[in-house]
Amino acid sequence: MSKKLRRTPLEQQIQEQGFDTVGGLRFLHQTIEMASKQSLRLLNATSPEIKSNDPNQLVTEVDKKIGELIINEIQKRYPNHGIIDEEAGVIEGRSPFVWTIDPIDGTAFLASGDSRWGTMIGLLYNDIPVCGAFFLPRQGAAVFSMEGRGVYIKEGQSITKVTRRSIDRTLRDSIIDFGTDVYFMEKNGLIIPDRKRNDAIAILRARLQEQVRKLESGGNPYGWIQIIRGVYGGSLCYRSSKIWDRVPVHHAIVSLGGVVTEFDGSPVDYKSAIAEGGAVIHRKFGVCAALTLDLHRELQAIIHQNANLWRHI
């Protein structure tokens, strides 16, 4: 992982800010190993609670402990860096670097005994993703990427550098990861399902199924690893993810020549997730990600052909 490579302009910038990308890649690998082992040790402490600010989300003691572990490691290695953790919120730093942490993505899977849960760690430099890691402790699989150093996949004890692939694949030939939540709204002081939005998502899902090889329900670390493996062609999600879900996968996919945008094809604005004063805005991001520009264009064509579904939601 330390092979000498020609620096990208962005890597040059972060190196000038004192961030060693080779050392950072080792730090990512060591941290995900540590967090993976700890999460497996804590599996018995999985009594879930529903989050008060999001009916779709559960939290367990594993989330809290893994978040604390990763925060502690970051603060020891990079004491000036900011941190956004799903459970701890914003920890302000004194540099242009901000880490994002989702201690357990897929808590419902964890609580039910399914193996498709994992941890996600990302790093922003001036609101641009520059590295990331996402891993599945139960499956022994992980992806980690670093600006200028490449993308690596860990399967068991084997670590392989992922190369840019020449993919000649249409949407019809592709498996697409499709992740959404059930949407809720407040009405007369009650939280009820947002029928209009949920119906629009169901219609889009049905239309996608007609035009892809297969549609998988996802939006979790398992689906993202399948994209990096080249098994899935992309992912589509309508405004159901937070900043800590997006930064790690954004960097890995773009590093392999892929495309990551908002659901409607617009650029992702990570700065919009932080309010003045440092509080986390619970803004939900959409995503349209694909391994190639052509696949991304095909996904966008379907979305915009059905623009009437999104105009008022």
Protein backbone atom coordinates (compact mmCIF):
# COMPACT_ATOMS: atom_id res chain seq x y z
CA MET A 1 0.00 0.00 0.00
CA SER A 2 3.01 2.32 0.22
CA LYS A 3 4.16 2.00 -3.41
CA LYS A 4 5.40 5.34 -4.77
CA LEU A 5 2.79 6.87 -7.05
CA ARG A 6 2.48 10.10 -8.95
CA ARG A 7 0.52 12.54 -6.81
CA THR A 8 -2.85 13.87 -7.89
CA PRO A 9 -3.37 17.67 -7.56
CA LEU A 10 -5.74 17.08 -4.64
CA GLU A 11 -3.25 14.76 -2.93
CA GLN A 12 -0.61 17.46 -3.36
CA GLN A 13 -2.90 19.95 -1.58
CA ILE A 14 -3.61 17.71 1.38
CA GLN A 15 0.07 16.75 1.67
CA GLU A 16 0.90 20.46 1.84
CA GLN A 17 -1.57 20.71 4.72
CA GLY A 18 0.48 18.14 6.61
CA PHE A 19 -1.63 15.05 5.88
CA ASP A 20 0.54 12.08 4.88
CA THR A 21 -1.59 9.96 2.54
CA VAL A 22 0.54 6.81 2.94
CA GLY A 23 0.35 7.07 6.72
CA GLY A 24 -3.33 7.93 6.46
CA LEU A 25 -4.01 4.78 4.46
CA ARG A 26 -2.29 2.68 7.13
CA PHE A 27 -4.30 4.48 9.81
CA LEU A 28 -7.54 3.65 8.00
CA HIS A 29 -6.61 -0.01 7.72
CA GLN A 30 -5.56 -0.27 11.36
CA THR A 31 -8.66 1.56 12.58
CA ILE A 32 -11.12 -0.59 10.65
CA GLU A 33 -9.38 -3.72 11.93
CA MET A 34 -9.68 -2.47 15.50
CA ALA A 35 -13.31 -1.37 15.10
CA SER A 36 -14.25 -4.64 13.38
CA LYS A 37 -12.86 -6.77 16.20
CA GLN A 38 -14.50 -4.58 18.84
CA SER A 39 -17.91 -4.68 17.16
CA LEU A 40 -17.82 -8.48 17.00
CA ARG A 41 -16.95 -8.62 20.70
CA LEU A 42 -19.92 -6.35 21.50
CA LEU A 43 -22.51 -8.27 19.49
CA ASN A 44 -24.41 -9.36 22.58
CA ALA A 45 -25.21 -5.73 23.45
CA THR A 46 -27.68 -5.22 20.63
CA SER A 47 -30.95 -4.17 22.28
CA PRO A 48 -32.08 -1.49 19.82
CA GLU A 49 -33.81 1.81 20.55
CA ILE A 50 -35.64 3.98 18.00
CA LYS A 51 -33.99 7.37 17.55
CA SER A 52 -36.19 10.26 18.65
CA ASN A 53 -35.29 12.37 15.58
CA ASP A 54 -35.72 9.66 12.93
CA PRO A 55 -38.32 6.84 13.06
CA ASN A 56 -36.34 4.88 10.44
CA GLN A 57 -33.22 4.64 12.60
CA LEU A 58 -32.26 2.35 15.46
CA VAL A 59 -29.33 2.74 17.84
CA THR A 60 -27.61 0.10 19.99
CA GLU A 61 -24.76 0.07 22.50
CA VAL A 62 -22.54 -1.20 19.67
CA ASP A 63 -23.10 2.07 17.76
CA LYS A 64 -22.07 4.12 20.77
CA LYS A 65 -18.99 2.09 21.69
CA ILE A 66 -17.64 1.82 18.13
CA GLY A 67 -18.16 5.55 17.61
CA GLU A 68 -16.22 6.29 20.79
CA LEU A 69 -13.37 4.00 19.72
CA ILE A 70 -12.99 5.60 16.27
CA ILE A 71 -13.23 9.13 17.66
CA ASN A 72 -10.53 8.30 20.20
CA GLU A 73 -8.21 6.93 17.48
CA ILE A 74 -8.72 9.97 15.24
CA GLN A 75 -8.11 12.41 18.08
CA LYS A 76 -4.89 10.63 19.05
CA ARG A 77 -3.54 10.65 15.47
CA TYR A 78 -5.08 13.89 14.14
CA PRO A 79 -5.87 16.13 17.14
CA ASN A 80 -6.64 19.21 15.02
CA HIS A 81 -9.15 17.51 12.73
CA GLY A 82 -12.90 17.98 13.05
CA ILE A 83 -15.24 15.00 13.42
CA ILE A 84 -18.89 14.38 12.56
CA ASP A 85 -20.15 11.23 14.25
CA GLU A 86 -23.70 9.93 13.85
CA GLU A 87 -24.10 9.48 17.61
CA ALA A 88 -21.74 12.13 19.09
CA GLY A 89 -22.55 14.92 16.62
CA VAL A 90 -19.95 17.56 15.64
CA ILE A 91 -16.56 17.81 17.30
CA GLU A 92 -15.02 20.99 15.97
CA GLY A 93 -11.45 21.01 14.73
CA ARG A 94 -8.84 23.58 13.80
CA SER A 95 -8.07 22.46 10.25
CA PRO A 96 -9.80 22.01 6.87
CA PHE A 97 -10.05 18.25 7.53
CA VAL A 98 -13.29 16.74 8.88
CA TRP A 99 -13.87 13.04 9.52
CA THR A 100 -17.32 11.48 9.18
CA ILE A 101 -18.26 8.35 11.13
CA ASP A 102 -21.24 6.03 10.96
CA PRO A 103 -20.38 3.51 13.71
CA ILE A 104 -22.99 1.01 12.56
CA ASP A 105 -24.74 1.43 9.23
CA GLY A 106 -27.54 -1.11 9.11
CA THR A 107 -28.36 -1.30 12.82
CA ALA A 108 -31.63 -3.09 12.02
CA PHE A 109 -29.60 -5.83 10.28
CA LEU A 110 -27.28 -6.05 13.29
CA ALA A 111 -30.20 -6.32 15.74
CA SER A 112 -31.85 -9.05 13.64
CA GLY A 113 -28.71 -11.18 13.18
CA ASP A 114 -28.20 -10.33 9.49
CA SER A 115 -24.56 -9.84 8.39
CA ARG A 116 -25.14 -6.83 6.08
CA TRP A 117 -24.26 -4.21 8.71
CA GLY A 118 -20.97 -2.37 8.86
CA THR A 119 -19.01 0.73 9.78
CA MET A 120 -18.24 3.72 7.56
CA ILE A 121 -15.43 6.27 7.97
CA GLY A 122 -14.74 9.15 5.60
CA LEU A 123 -12.57 12.26 5.42
CA LEU A 124 -13.39 15.62 3.86
CA TYR A 125 -10.83 18.26 2.94
CA ASN A 126 -12.54 21.60 2.39
CA ASP A 127 -15.80 19.65 1.88
CA ILE A 128 -14.26 17.31 -0.75
CA PRO A 129 -14.05 13.55 0.00
CA VAL A 130 -10.39 12.49 0.10
CA CYS A 131 -10.50 9.07 1.72
CA GLY A 132 -12.91 6.51 3.10
CA ALA A 133 -13.44 3.05 4.53
CA PHE A 134 -16.48 0.83 4.84
CA PHE A 135 -16.45 -2.70 6.15
CA LEU A 136 -18.58 -5.68 7.11
CA PRO A 137 -17.15 -7.29 10.27
CA ARG A 138 -19.29 -10.42 10.08
CA GLN A 139 -18.28 -11.07 6.46
CA GLY A 140 -14.62 -10.11 6.86
CA ALA A 141 -14.86 -7.70 3.92
CA ALA A 142 -13.70 -4.08 3.73
CA VAL A 143 -12.95 -1.31 1.25
CA PHE A 144 -10.58 1.55 1.98
CA SER A 145 -9.44 4.33 -0.33
CA MET A 146 -7.07 7.29 -0.15
CA GLU A 147 -6.60 10.20 -2.55
CA GLY A 148 -3.65 9.43 -4.81
CA ARG A 149 -3.08 5.99 -3.23
CA GLY A 150 -5.96 4.07 -4.79
CA VAL A 151 -8.76 1.79 -3.62
CA TYR A 152 -8.22 -1.48 -1.78
CA ILE A 153 -10.54 -4.34 -0.96
CA LYS A 154 -9.99 -6.75 1.90
CA GLU A 155 -11.54 -10.22 1.69
CA GLY A 156 -10.63 -12.26 4.77
CA GLN A 157 -6.86 -11.87 5.16
CA SER A 158 -6.26 -10.91 1.52
CA ILE A 159 -5.88 -7.23 0.50
CA THR A 160 -6.01 -6.36 -3.19
CA LYS A 161 -5.71 -3.04 -4.98
CA VAL A 162 -8.75 -2.43 -7.16
CA THR A 163 -7.91 -1.14 -10.62
CA ARG A 164 -10.08 0.97 -12.88
CA ARG A 165 -12.08 -1.40 -15.01
CA SER A 166 -13.03 -1.06 -18.64
CA ILE A 167 -16.73 -1.77 -18.15
CA ASP A 168 -18.86 -2.12 -21.24
CA ARG A 169 -22.15 -2.65 -19.45
CA THR A 170 -25.60 -1.22 -20.05
CA LEU A 171 -28.30 -0.70 -17.45
CA ARG A 172 -30.11 -3.73 -18.87
CA ASP A 173 -27.06 -5.85 -17.97
CA SER A 174 -26.61 -4.35 -14.51
CA ILE A 175 -27.63 -5.06 -10.94
CA ILE A 176 -28.58 -1.79 -9.25
CA ASP A 177 -28.64 -1.21 -5.50
CA PHE A 178 -31.85 0.65 -4.61
CA GLY A 179 -32.07 2.05 -1.10
CA THR A 180 -34.87 4.06 0.46
CA ASP A 181 -36.50 4.60 3.80
CA VAL A 182 -40.20 4.78 4.52
CA TYR A 183 -40.89 8.50 4.62
CA PHE A 184 -42.83 10.18 7.40
CA MET A 185 -44.46 13.57 7.85
CA GLU A 186 -45.97 15.55 10.71
CA LYS A 187 -49.70 16.23 10.56
CA ASN A 188 -51.83 17.63 13.38
CA GLY A 189 -49.07 16.87 15.87
CA LEU A 190 -48.77 13.24 14.73
CA ILE A 191 -45.99 11.49 12.79
CA ILE A 192 -47.61 9.57 9.93
CA PRO A 193 -46.31 7.93 6.71
CA ASP A 194 -45.82 10.38 3.84
CA ARG A 195 -48.03 8.53 1.37
CA LYS A 196 -47.34 10.82 -1.59
CA ARG A 197 -43.57 10.44 -1.34
CA ASN A 198 -43.71 6.70 -0.60
CA ASP A 199 -46.00 6.14 -3.60
CA ALA A 200 -43.56 8.04 -5.86
CA ILE A 201 -40.68 5.84 -4.70
CA ALA A 202 -42.74 2.70 -5.35
CA ILE A 203 -43.50 3.86 -8.90
CA LEU A 204 -39.83 4.58 -9.61
CA ARG A 205 -38.85 1.17 -8.24
CA ALA A 206 -41.34 -0.55 -10.53
CA ARG A 207 -40.08 1.36 -13.58
CA LEU A 208 -36.46 0.62 -12.75
CA GLN A 209 -37.21 -3.09 -12.42
CA GLU A 210 -38.38 -3.09 -16.02
CA GLN A 211 -35.05 -1.69 -17.27
CA VAL A 212 -32.32 -3.38 -15.21
CA ARG A 213 -31.05 -6.93 -14.93
CA LYS A 214 -31.92 -6.96 -11.23
CA LEU A 215 -32.82 -4.47 -8.50
CA GLU A 216 -31.42 -5.16 -5.04
CA SER A 217 -32.73 -3.50 -1.88
CA GLY A 218 -29.80 -1.87 -0.17
CA GLY A 219 -28.21 1.45 0.58
CA ASN A 220 -25.94 -0.32 3.11
CA PRO A 221 -22.22 -1.23 3.25
CA TYR A 222 -22.86 -4.62 1.63
CA GLY A 223 -24.29 -2.94 -1.47
CA TRP A 224 -21.41 -0.47 -1.68
CA ILE A 225 -18.83 -3.25 -1.43
CA GLN A 226 -20.65 -5.09 -4.21
CA ILE A 227 -20.24 -2.00 -6.41
CA ILE A 228 -16.50 -1.86 -5.70
CA ARG A 229 -16.27 -5.58 -6.49
CA GLY A 230 -17.92 -4.82 -9.83
CA VAL A 231 -20.90 -7.07 -9.07
CA TYR A 232 -23.37 -4.16 -8.94
CA GLY A 233 -23.30 -1.39 -11.52
CA GLY A 234 -24.52 1.41 -9.30
CA SER A 235 -26.82 2.67 -6.57
CA LEU A 236 -29.87 4.90 -6.45
CA CYS A 237 -31.38 6.42 -3.34
CA TYR A 238 -33.89 9.25 -2.86
CA ARG A 239 -32.92 11.52 0.06
CA SER A 240 -32.54 8.92 2.79
CA SER A 241 -28.84 9.19 3.74
CA LYS A 242 -26.80 11.44 6.00
CA ILE A 243 -23.33 12.85 5.40
CA TRP A 244 -21.64 9.94 7.24
CA ASP A 245 -23.29 7.46 4.84
CA ARG A 246 -22.03 9.19 1.71
CA VAL A 247 -18.47 10.50 2.11
CA PRO A 248 -16.61 7.14 2.33
CA VAL A 249 -18.31 5.57 -0.70
CA HIS A 250 -18.14 8.78 -2.75
CA HIS A 251 -14.36 8.81 -2.71
CA ALA A 252 -13.94 5.10 -3.52
CA ILE A 253 -16.32 5.12 -6.51
CA VAL A 254 -14.93 8.33 -8.02
CA SER A 255 -11.37 7.02 -7.55
CA LEU A 256 -12.29 4.07 -9.78
CA GLY A 257 -13.59 6.34 -12.55
CA GLY A 258 -17.21 6.21 -11.45
CA VAL A 259 -19.71 9.01 -10.92
CA VAL A 260 -21.47 10.08 -7.70
CA THR A 261 -24.10 12.82 -7.65
CA GLU A 262 -27.29 13.72 -5.88
CA PHE A 263 -30.39 11.75 -6.89
CA ASP A 264 -31.24 14.31 -9.59
CA GLY A 265 -27.71 14.44 -11.02
CA SER A 266 -26.63 17.67 -9.31
CA PRO A 267 -23.27 17.86 -7.48
CA VAL A 268 -23.23 16.71 -3.86
CA ASP A 269 -22.84 19.65 -1.45
CA TYR A 270 -21.42 18.25 1.78
CA LYS A 271 -21.02 21.72 3.25
CA SER A 272 -24.82 21.93 3.49
CA ALA A 273 -24.83 19.29 6.25
CA ILE A 274 -23.17 21.61 8.78
CA ALA A 275 -24.91 24.65 10.23
CA GLU A 276 -23.17 27.88 11.20
CA GLY A 277 -21.76 27.28 14.67
CA GLY A 278 -20.97 23.62 13.98
CA ALA A 279 -24.26 21.80 14.58
CA VAL A 280 -25.19 18.86 12.37
CA ILE A 281 -28.10 19.60 10.06
CA HIS A 282 -30.11 16.43 9.67
CA ARG A 283 -30.23 16.99 5.92
CA LYS A 284 -30.85 13.86 3.94
CA PHE A 285 -28.79 13.28 0.82
CA GLY A 286 -29.91 11.43 -2.24
CA VAL A 287 -27.49 9.54 -4.42
CA CYS A 288 -27.09 8.41 -7.99
CA ALA A 289 -23.83 6.49 -8.20
CA ALA A 290 -22.52 4.37 -11.04
CA LEU A 291 -19.29 2.65 -12.08
CA THR A 292 -19.35 4.43 -15.43
CA LEU A 293 -20.59 7.71 -16.86
CA ASP A 294 -22.81 5.84 -19.32
CA LEU A 295 -24.57 3.90 -16.55
CA HIS A 296 -25.05 7.13 -14.61
CA ARG A 297 -26.59 8.77 -17.69
CA GLU A 298 -29.01 5.85 -18.10
CA LEU A 299 -30.11 6.11 -14.46
CA GLN A 300 -30.56 9.86 -14.81
CA ALA A 301 -32.64 9.40 -17.96
CA ILE A 302 -35.11 7.23 -16.03
CA ILE A 303 -35.28 9.73 -13.18
CA HIS A 304 -35.89 12.68 -15.48
CA GLN A 305 -38.39 10.80 -17.62
CA ASN A 306 -40.41 10.54 -14.42
CA ALA A 307 -39.77 14.11 -13.25
CA ASN A 308 -43.45 14.67 -12.52
CA LEU A 309 -43.07 12.27 -9.57
CA TRP A 310 -40.50 14.50 -7.86
CA ARG A 311 -41.75 17.99 -8.74
CA HIS A 312 -43.78 18.47 -5.58
CA ILE A 313 -42.01 16.25 -3.07
